[in-house]
Amino acid sequence: MYKLNALIAGSTGYIGIQLIKLLVKHKNINIKFLCGNNSVGKNISFYDRSLQNRKLPKIIKFNKILLKEVDVIFTALPNGEAQEISNSLLNHNTLIDLSADFRLKKSSDYLKWYKQKHKAVKNIKKSIYSLPEICLKNLKKYKIISCPGCYPTSILLPLIPLVEKNLINLKNIVVDSKSGYSGAGKNVHKKFKQKNLYNSLSAYSVGYHRHIPEINQELNNHTKKNFNLLFTPHLSPMFKGILSTIYVDLKSGISLTKLKNTLRFFYMKKKFIKILENNKPLSTNDVINTNNCFISVCKTQHQNKIIILSAIDNLIKGGAGQAIQNMNLKFDFNIDEGLK
């Protein structure tokens, strides 16, 4: 059976570990190299005991020489590092990035929101932002695939079909998202050491979260109109999962059933998107350890206002699973390979 050789850079973070746990079950992938910095020389099972019976390479430091021996490079690295790797890509390489390095299409926006200059500006045009169910272009043409952030995934999946069909007002969209603390990375306990993560709910980056320009950019791409929605993220005392609560105003004459049917038709052939019956309550427990996104449209006491609930596993559908979906699309593998 034909297999691609893969390298995972950032293999010991939450996303990196999740990638490995999925890719070891992918029949078309051979994990050739695992790369890290402080973990060099260790077995990956040191970081996740469920991998101790898998034959996996020891962790080594990334070197561009390794690119000669691999087809796919997954980068789950701090922002800026995938940009440097992108400058060394060979013709046969595909880079699938899970950081923010190629999500924003203007280097000036990247500087504004991430406070660092882009190190591979020429590669931005060679990259594609790919939310797999919605990507409008042919992935096969691109060497660099940028995976959406976890919050944007949970928000864009329900909103894009509705704004495309002009069913909701584009102003006054308010999003309140709750995420497990794994969404802040494995150094979350250092970043939020005063927050008592296991017993409290914490709002953060209020009004200025880095995912805001990404969400606005993609909504604008699908409507050619400027967006500026309000978004507030929260860290919840759970390890993983995201529940986004989205408040929108209906256009005149549009019903709740119209919204549900539009979403169902849009995602009719999309394996991982589940549109529930109207007014169905949602829990992150419905999607944990899956690559699914569950969406529910709910009425309120105000006739023209509705609430959309959207739930994903931030490490899978919002991370590693989405990266594998993009790879499956790029190389014509079964869309659910490695994700069953």
Protein backbone atom coordinates (compact mmCIF):
# COMPACT_ATOMS: atom_id res chain seq x y z
CA MET A 1 0.00 0.00 0.00
CA TYR A 2 1.26 3.47 -0.93
CA LYS A 3 2.23 5.45 2.16
CA LEU A 4 3.38 9.00 2.73
CA ASN A 5 6.29 9.65 5.06
CA ALA A 6 5.33 12.24 7.67
CA LEU A 7 7.23 14.51 10.04
CA ILE A 8 5.54 16.04 13.07
CA ALA A 9 7.21 19.16 14.45
CA GLY A 10 5.99 20.09 17.92
CA SER A 11 5.18 16.47 18.66
CA THR A 12 4.90 16.72 22.46
CA GLY A 13 2.28 19.49 22.73
CA TYR A 14 -1.42 18.74 23.15
CA ILE A 15 -2.04 18.99 19.39
CA GLY A 16 1.12 17.09 18.50
CA ILE A 17 0.20 14.17 20.75
CA GLN A 18 -3.32 14.12 19.34
CA LEU A 19 -1.94 14.09 15.79
CA ILE A 20 0.24 11.09 16.56
CA LYS A 21 -2.63 9.19 18.18
CA LEU A 22 -4.70 9.64 15.01
CA LEU A 23 -1.94 9.16 12.44
CA VAL A 24 -0.78 5.82 13.86
CA LYS A 25 -4.17 4.48 12.73
CA HIS A 26 -3.98 6.06 9.25
CA LYS A 27 -3.30 3.35 6.68
CA ASN A 28 -1.64 5.77 4.26
CA ILE A 29 0.85 7.34 6.68
CA ASN A 30 4.24 6.30 7.99
CA ILE A 31 5.45 8.53 10.82
CA LYS A 32 9.09 8.98 9.85
CA PHE A 33 10.22 11.70 12.26
CA LEU A 34 9.00 13.21 15.53
CA CYS A 35 10.62 16.54 16.34
CA GLY A 36 10.90 18.59 19.48
CA ASN A 37 13.28 20.80 21.41
CA ASN A 38 13.38 20.02 25.13
CA SER A 39 12.25 16.45 24.48
CA VAL A 40 15.10 15.30 22.20
CA GLY A 41 16.10 11.66 22.79
CA LYS A 42 12.88 10.70 24.56
CA ASN A 43 10.18 8.29 23.44
CA ILE A 44 6.82 9.85 22.73
CA SER A 45 5.25 7.38 25.18
CA PHE A 46 6.91 9.43 27.94
CA TYR A 47 4.28 12.09 27.15
CA ASP A 48 1.36 9.76 26.49
CA ARG A 49 1.39 6.23 27.81
CA SER A 50 -1.25 5.05 25.35
CA LEU A 51 1.47 5.16 22.67
CA GLN A 52 3.92 2.87 24.47
CA ASN A 53 3.09 -0.19 22.33
CA ARG A 54 3.47 1.70 19.04
CA LYS A 55 6.70 1.52 17.04
CA LEU A 56 7.52 5.19 16.75
CA PRO A 57 10.82 7.02 16.25
CA LYS A 58 12.53 8.77 19.13
CA ILE A 59 12.17 12.53 19.27
CA ILE A 60 14.89 14.47 17.44
CA LYS A 61 15.58 18.13 16.76
CA PHE A 62 14.22 19.48 13.48
CA ASN A 63 16.74 19.96 10.68
CA LYS A 64 15.86 20.97 7.14
CA ILE A 65 17.86 17.97 5.88
CA LEU A 66 14.97 15.79 7.12
CA LEU A 67 12.70 17.34 4.48
CA LYS A 68 14.36 15.19 1.81
CA GLU A 69 12.90 12.06 3.40
CA VAL A 70 9.31 13.13 4.03
CA ASP A 71 6.24 14.02 1.99
CA VAL A 72 4.12 15.75 4.64
CA ILE A 73 5.21 18.04 7.45
CA PHE A 74 2.74 18.76 10.23
CA THR A 75 3.70 21.80 12.31
CA ALA A 76 2.15 22.27 15.74
CA LEU A 77 4.65 24.88 16.83
CA PRO A 78 4.71 28.32 18.47
CA ASN A 79 3.76 31.10 16.04
CA GLY A 80 6.59 32.04 13.69
CA GLU A 81 8.36 28.68 13.54
CA ALA A 82 6.37 27.16 10.67
CA GLN A 83 7.20 30.25 8.62
CA GLU A 84 10.90 29.43 8.94
CA ILE A 85 10.32 25.81 7.90
CA SER A 86 8.25 26.97 4.92
CA ASN A 87 11.32 28.73 3.51
CA SER A 88 13.13 25.39 3.23
CA LEU A 89 10.36 23.29 1.63
CA LEU A 90 11.33 21.06 -1.29
CA ASN A 91 9.19 20.41 -4.36
CA HIS A 92 7.78 17.16 -3.02
CA ASN A 93 6.91 18.56 0.43
CA THR A 94 3.47 19.60 1.70
CA LEU A 95 3.34 21.66 4.90
CA ILE A 96 0.17 21.41 7.00
CA ASP A 97 0.34 24.07 9.67
CA LEU A 98 -1.72 24.19 12.86
CA SER A 99 -0.38 27.52 14.11
CA ALA A 100 -1.53 30.97 13.02
CA ASP A 101 1.42 31.48 10.65
CA PHE A 102 -0.53 31.43 7.38
CA ARG A 103 -4.10 32.10 8.52
CA LEU A 104 -4.06 35.86 7.90
CA LYS A 105 -3.59 36.92 4.28
CA LYS A 106 -1.99 40.28 5.10
CA SER A 107 1.41 40.30 6.76
CA SER A 108 0.46 43.65 8.32
CA ASP A 109 -2.46 41.96 10.09
CA TYR A 110 -0.13 39.26 11.37
CA LEU A 111 2.21 41.92 12.78
CA LYS A 112 -0.71 43.77 14.39
CA TRP A 113 -2.28 40.76 16.10
CA TYR A 114 0.73 38.52 16.77
CA LYS A 115 3.29 41.25 17.50
CA GLN A 116 5.98 39.79 15.24
CA LYS A 117 7.05 40.29 11.65
CA HIS A 118 6.17 37.55 9.19
CA LYS A 119 9.30 35.62 8.20
CA ALA A 120 7.93 34.14 4.96
CA VAL A 121 5.83 36.85 3.34
CA LYS A 122 6.42 35.42 -0.14
CA ASN A 123 4.88 32.12 0.97
CA ILE A 124 1.57 33.62 2.09
CA LYS A 125 0.34 33.59 -1.52
CA LYS A 126 1.47 29.97 -1.83
CA SER A 127 -0.67 28.96 1.13
CA ILE A 128 -4.36 28.23 1.47
CA TYR A 129 -6.61 28.62 4.51
CA SER A 130 -8.66 25.44 4.54
CA LEU A 131 -11.71 24.74 6.63
CA PRO A 132 -12.22 21.34 4.93
CA GLU A 133 -16.02 21.43 4.55
CA ILE A 134 -15.96 24.93 3.11
CA CYS A 135 -12.64 25.38 1.28
CA LEU A 136 -13.45 26.91 -2.10
CA LYS A 137 -10.19 26.11 -3.89
CA ASN A 138 -8.32 23.01 -4.98
CA LEU A 139 -5.95 21.97 -2.21
CA LYS A 140 -3.80 20.03 -4.65
CA LYS A 141 -2.41 23.31 -6.02
CA TYR A 142 -0.94 24.39 -2.69
CA LYS A 143 2.22 23.35 -0.86
CA ILE A 144 1.20 25.08 2.37
CA ILE A 145 -2.15 24.34 4.00
CA SER A 146 -3.16 26.51 6.94
CA CYS A 147 -5.62 24.93 9.36
CA PRO A 148 -8.14 27.25 11.07
CA GLY A 149 -8.01 28.01 14.75
CA CYS A 150 -10.23 26.01 17.08
CA TYR A 151 -12.55 28.89 18.02
CA PRO A 152 -12.97 30.01 14.37
CA THR A 153 -13.82 26.43 13.38
CA SER A 154 -16.71 26.30 15.83
CA ILE A 155 -17.93 29.74 14.71
CA LEU A 156 -17.42 29.67 10.93
CA LEU A 157 -19.05 26.28 10.35
CA PRO A 158 -22.53 27.45 11.42
CA LEU A 159 -22.21 31.06 10.21
CA ILE A 160 -20.81 30.76 6.68
CA PRO A 161 -23.83 28.97 5.11
CA LEU A 162 -26.20 31.48 6.73
CA VAL A 163 -24.34 34.62 5.68
CA GLU A 164 -23.86 33.22 2.16
CA LYS A 165 -27.63 32.83 1.83
CA ASN A 166 -28.25 36.25 3.43
CA LEU A 167 -30.50 34.79 6.14
CA ILE A 168 -29.11 36.75 9.10
CA ASN A 169 -28.16 40.35 9.71
CA LEU A 170 -24.44 40.94 9.46
CA LYS A 171 -24.39 43.45 12.31
CA ASN A 172 -24.76 42.62 15.99
CA ILE A 173 -23.35 39.09 15.76
CA VAL A 174 -22.14 38.19 19.25
CA VAL A 175 -20.16 35.04 20.04
CA ASP A 176 -19.48 33.63 23.49
CA SER A 177 -17.17 30.60 23.46
CA LYS A 178 -16.11 28.27 26.26
CA SER A 179 -13.02 26.11 25.75
CA GLY A 180 -11.22 23.43 27.69
CA TYR A 181 -7.87 24.67 28.98
CA SER A 182 -5.93 22.52 26.49
CA GLY A 183 -6.82 25.18 23.91
CA ALA A 184 -4.23 27.48 25.47
CA GLY A 185 -1.41 24.97 24.92
CA LYS A 186 0.68 22.87 27.26
CA ASN A 187 2.08 25.98 29.00
CA VAL A 188 -1.43 27.01 30.00
CA HIS A 189 -0.64 26.59 33.69
CA LYS A 190 2.17 29.14 33.42
CA LYS A 191 0.09 31.59 31.38
CA PHE A 192 -2.89 31.40 33.74
CA LYS A 193 -1.24 30.45 37.01
CA GLN A 194 -3.48 32.80 39.02
CA LYS A 195 -6.72 31.50 37.46
CA ASN A 196 -7.29 28.24 39.40
CA LEU A 197 -8.02 26.46 36.09
CA TYR A 198 -9.58 23.36 37.59
CA ASN A 199 -12.24 25.17 39.57
CA SER A 200 -13.09 28.40 37.79
CA LEU A 201 -14.33 29.86 34.52
CA SER A 202 -12.14 32.66 33.15
CA ALA A 203 -12.73 35.21 30.38
CA TYR A 204 -9.54 36.29 28.61
CA SER A 205 -8.38 38.48 25.70
CA VAL A 206 -11.73 40.26 26.01
CA GLY A 207 -12.50 42.26 22.87
CA TYR A 208 -9.08 41.64 21.29
CA HIS A 209 -8.56 37.92 20.86
CA ARG A 210 -6.18 36.94 18.04
CA HIS A 211 -8.83 34.84 16.32
CA ILE A 212 -11.07 37.86 15.66
CA PRO A 213 -9.30 38.97 12.43
CA GLU A 214 -9.30 35.38 11.19
CA ILE A 215 -13.06 35.04 11.70
CA ASN A 216 -13.77 38.42 10.12
CA GLN A 217 -11.47 37.69 7.18
CA GLU A 218 -13.21 34.42 6.32
CA LEU A 219 -16.74 35.79 6.71
CA ASN A 220 -15.74 38.67 4.46
CA ASN A 221 -14.36 36.20 1.88
CA HIS A 222 -17.76 34.52 1.68
CA THR A 223 -19.88 37.68 1.50
CA LYS A 224 -17.55 40.43 0.22
CA LYS A 225 -18.82 42.54 3.12
CA ASN A 226 -16.92 43.76 6.14
CA PHE A 227 -17.52 42.04 9.45
CA ASN A 228 -16.73 43.08 12.96
CA LEU A 229 -18.45 40.62 15.27
CA LEU A 230 -18.03 40.62 19.03
CA PHE A 231 -16.21 37.58 20.39
CA THR A 232 -15.33 36.65 23.95
CA PRO A 233 -13.43 33.43 24.75
CA HIS A 234 -13.42 31.69 28.12
CA LEU A 235 -11.31 28.95 29.66
CA SER A 236 -13.50 26.34 31.29
CA PRO A 237 -12.44 23.87 34.02
CA MET A 238 -12.32 20.91 31.63
CA PHE A 239 -9.42 19.54 29.57
CA LYS A 240 -10.90 19.85 26.09
CA GLY A 241 -13.96 20.73 24.06
CA ILE A 242 -15.47 24.00 22.80
CA LEU A 243 -19.05 25.18 23.04
CA SER A 244 -19.74 28.38 21.10
CA THR A 245 -22.97 30.29 21.69
CA ILE A 246 -23.71 32.61 18.77
CA TYR A 247 -26.36 35.35 18.97
CA VAL A 248 -27.74 36.62 15.65
CA ASP A 249 -30.66 38.62 14.26
CA LEU A 250 -32.81 37.04 11.56
CA LYS A 251 -33.57 38.81 8.30
CA SER A 252 -37.26 39.68 7.88
CA GLY A 253 -39.44 36.68 6.96
CA ILE A 254 -36.79 34.07 7.80
CA SER A 255 -37.83 31.24 10.13
CA LEU A 256 -35.94 28.96 12.47
CA THR A 257 -36.79 26.01 10.25
CA LYS A 258 -35.38 27.83 7.21
CA LEU A 259 -32.06 28.19 9.00
CA LYS A 260 -31.94 24.55 10.03
CA ASN A 261 -32.84 23.33 6.54
CA THR A 262 -30.23 25.60 4.97
CA LEU A 263 -27.54 24.19 7.22
CA ARG A 264 -28.68 20.62 6.60
CA PHE A 265 -28.64 21.07 2.84
CA PHE A 266 -25.26 22.79 2.90
CA TYR A 267 -23.68 19.98 4.92
CA MET A 268 -25.74 17.13 3.50
CA LYS A 269 -22.69 15.28 2.16
CA LYS A 270 -20.26 16.37 4.87
CA LYS A 271 -19.57 13.44 7.15
CA PHE A 272 -18.44 15.31 10.24
CA ILE A 273 -21.10 18.05 10.50
CA LYS A 274 -24.30 17.14 12.36
CA ILE A 275 -27.25 19.57 12.28
CA LEU A 276 -29.59 18.74 15.14
CA GLU A 277 -33.30 19.38 15.49
CA ASN A 278 -34.27 22.92 16.42
CA ASN A 279 -33.91 23.91 20.09
CA LYS A 280 -31.79 20.86 20.91
CA PRO A 281 -29.46 21.52 23.88
CA LEU A 282 -25.79 20.78 23.23
CA SER A 283 -22.88 19.62 25.35
CA THR A 284 -19.19 19.27 24.59
CA ASN A 285 -19.65 15.70 25.77
CA ASP A 286 -21.53 15.04 22.51
CA VAL A 287 -18.38 15.56 20.45
CA ILE A 288 -15.39 14.79 22.66
CA ASN A 289 -12.90 12.37 21.05
CA THR A 290 -14.54 12.78 17.63
CA ASN A 291 -13.94 14.90 14.54
CA ASN A 292 -17.59 16.02 14.58
CA CYS A 293 -19.16 19.44 14.87
CA PHE A 294 -22.70 19.45 16.29
CA ILE A 295 -24.87 22.49 15.53
CA SER A 296 -28.26 23.42 17.01
CA VAL A 297 -30.46 26.41 16.11
CA CYS A 298 -32.57 27.69 19.02
CA LYS A 299 -35.38 30.21 19.37
CA THR A 300 -35.49 32.96 21.97
CA GLN A 301 -38.28 35.07 23.49
CA HIS A 302 -37.57 37.66 20.78
CA GLN A 303 -39.05 36.76 17.40
CA ASN A 304 -36.17 38.03 15.29
CA LYS A 305 -33.31 36.84 17.51
CA ILE A 306 -31.91 33.32 17.61
CA ILE A 307 -29.11 31.45 19.32
CA ILE A 308 -26.88 28.98 17.49
CA LEU A 309 -25.00 26.39 19.52
CA SER A 310 -21.86 24.79 18.06
CA ALA A 311 -19.73 22.13 19.76
CA ILE A 312 -16.39 20.60 18.76
CA ASP A 313 -13.42 18.82 20.29
CA ASN A 314 -10.78 21.57 20.08
CA LEU A 315 -7.86 19.12 19.77
CA ILE A 316 -9.48 17.05 17.01
CA LYS A 317 -12.02 18.94 14.87
CA GLY A 318 -10.39 22.18 15.99
CA GLY A 319 -6.87 20.85 15.46
CA ALA A 320 -5.36 17.49 14.60
CA GLY A 321 -8.47 15.98 13.02
CA GLN A 322 -8.92 18.97 10.76
CA ALA A 323 -5.27 18.75 9.69
CA ILE A 324 -5.76 15.11 8.74
CA GLN A 325 -8.96 15.96 6.87
CA ASN A 326 -6.99 18.48 4.83
CA MET A 327 -4.30 15.92 4.11
CA ASN A 328 -6.93 13.39 3.03
CA LEU A 329 -8.39 15.93 0.62
CA LYS A 330 -4.98 16.90 -0.76
CA PHE A 331 -3.93 13.32 -1.48
CA ASP A 332 -7.32 11.81 -2.40
CA PHE A 333 -7.49 9.52 0.64
CA ASN A 334 -10.85 8.59 2.14
CA ILE A 335 -12.07 11.68 4.01
CA ASP A 336 -12.50 9.75 7.27
CA GLU A 337 -9.22 7.80 7.08
CA GLY A 338 -7.53 8.11 10.47
CA LEU A 339 -10.66 9.75 11.88
CA LYS A 340 -13.11 6.88 12.30
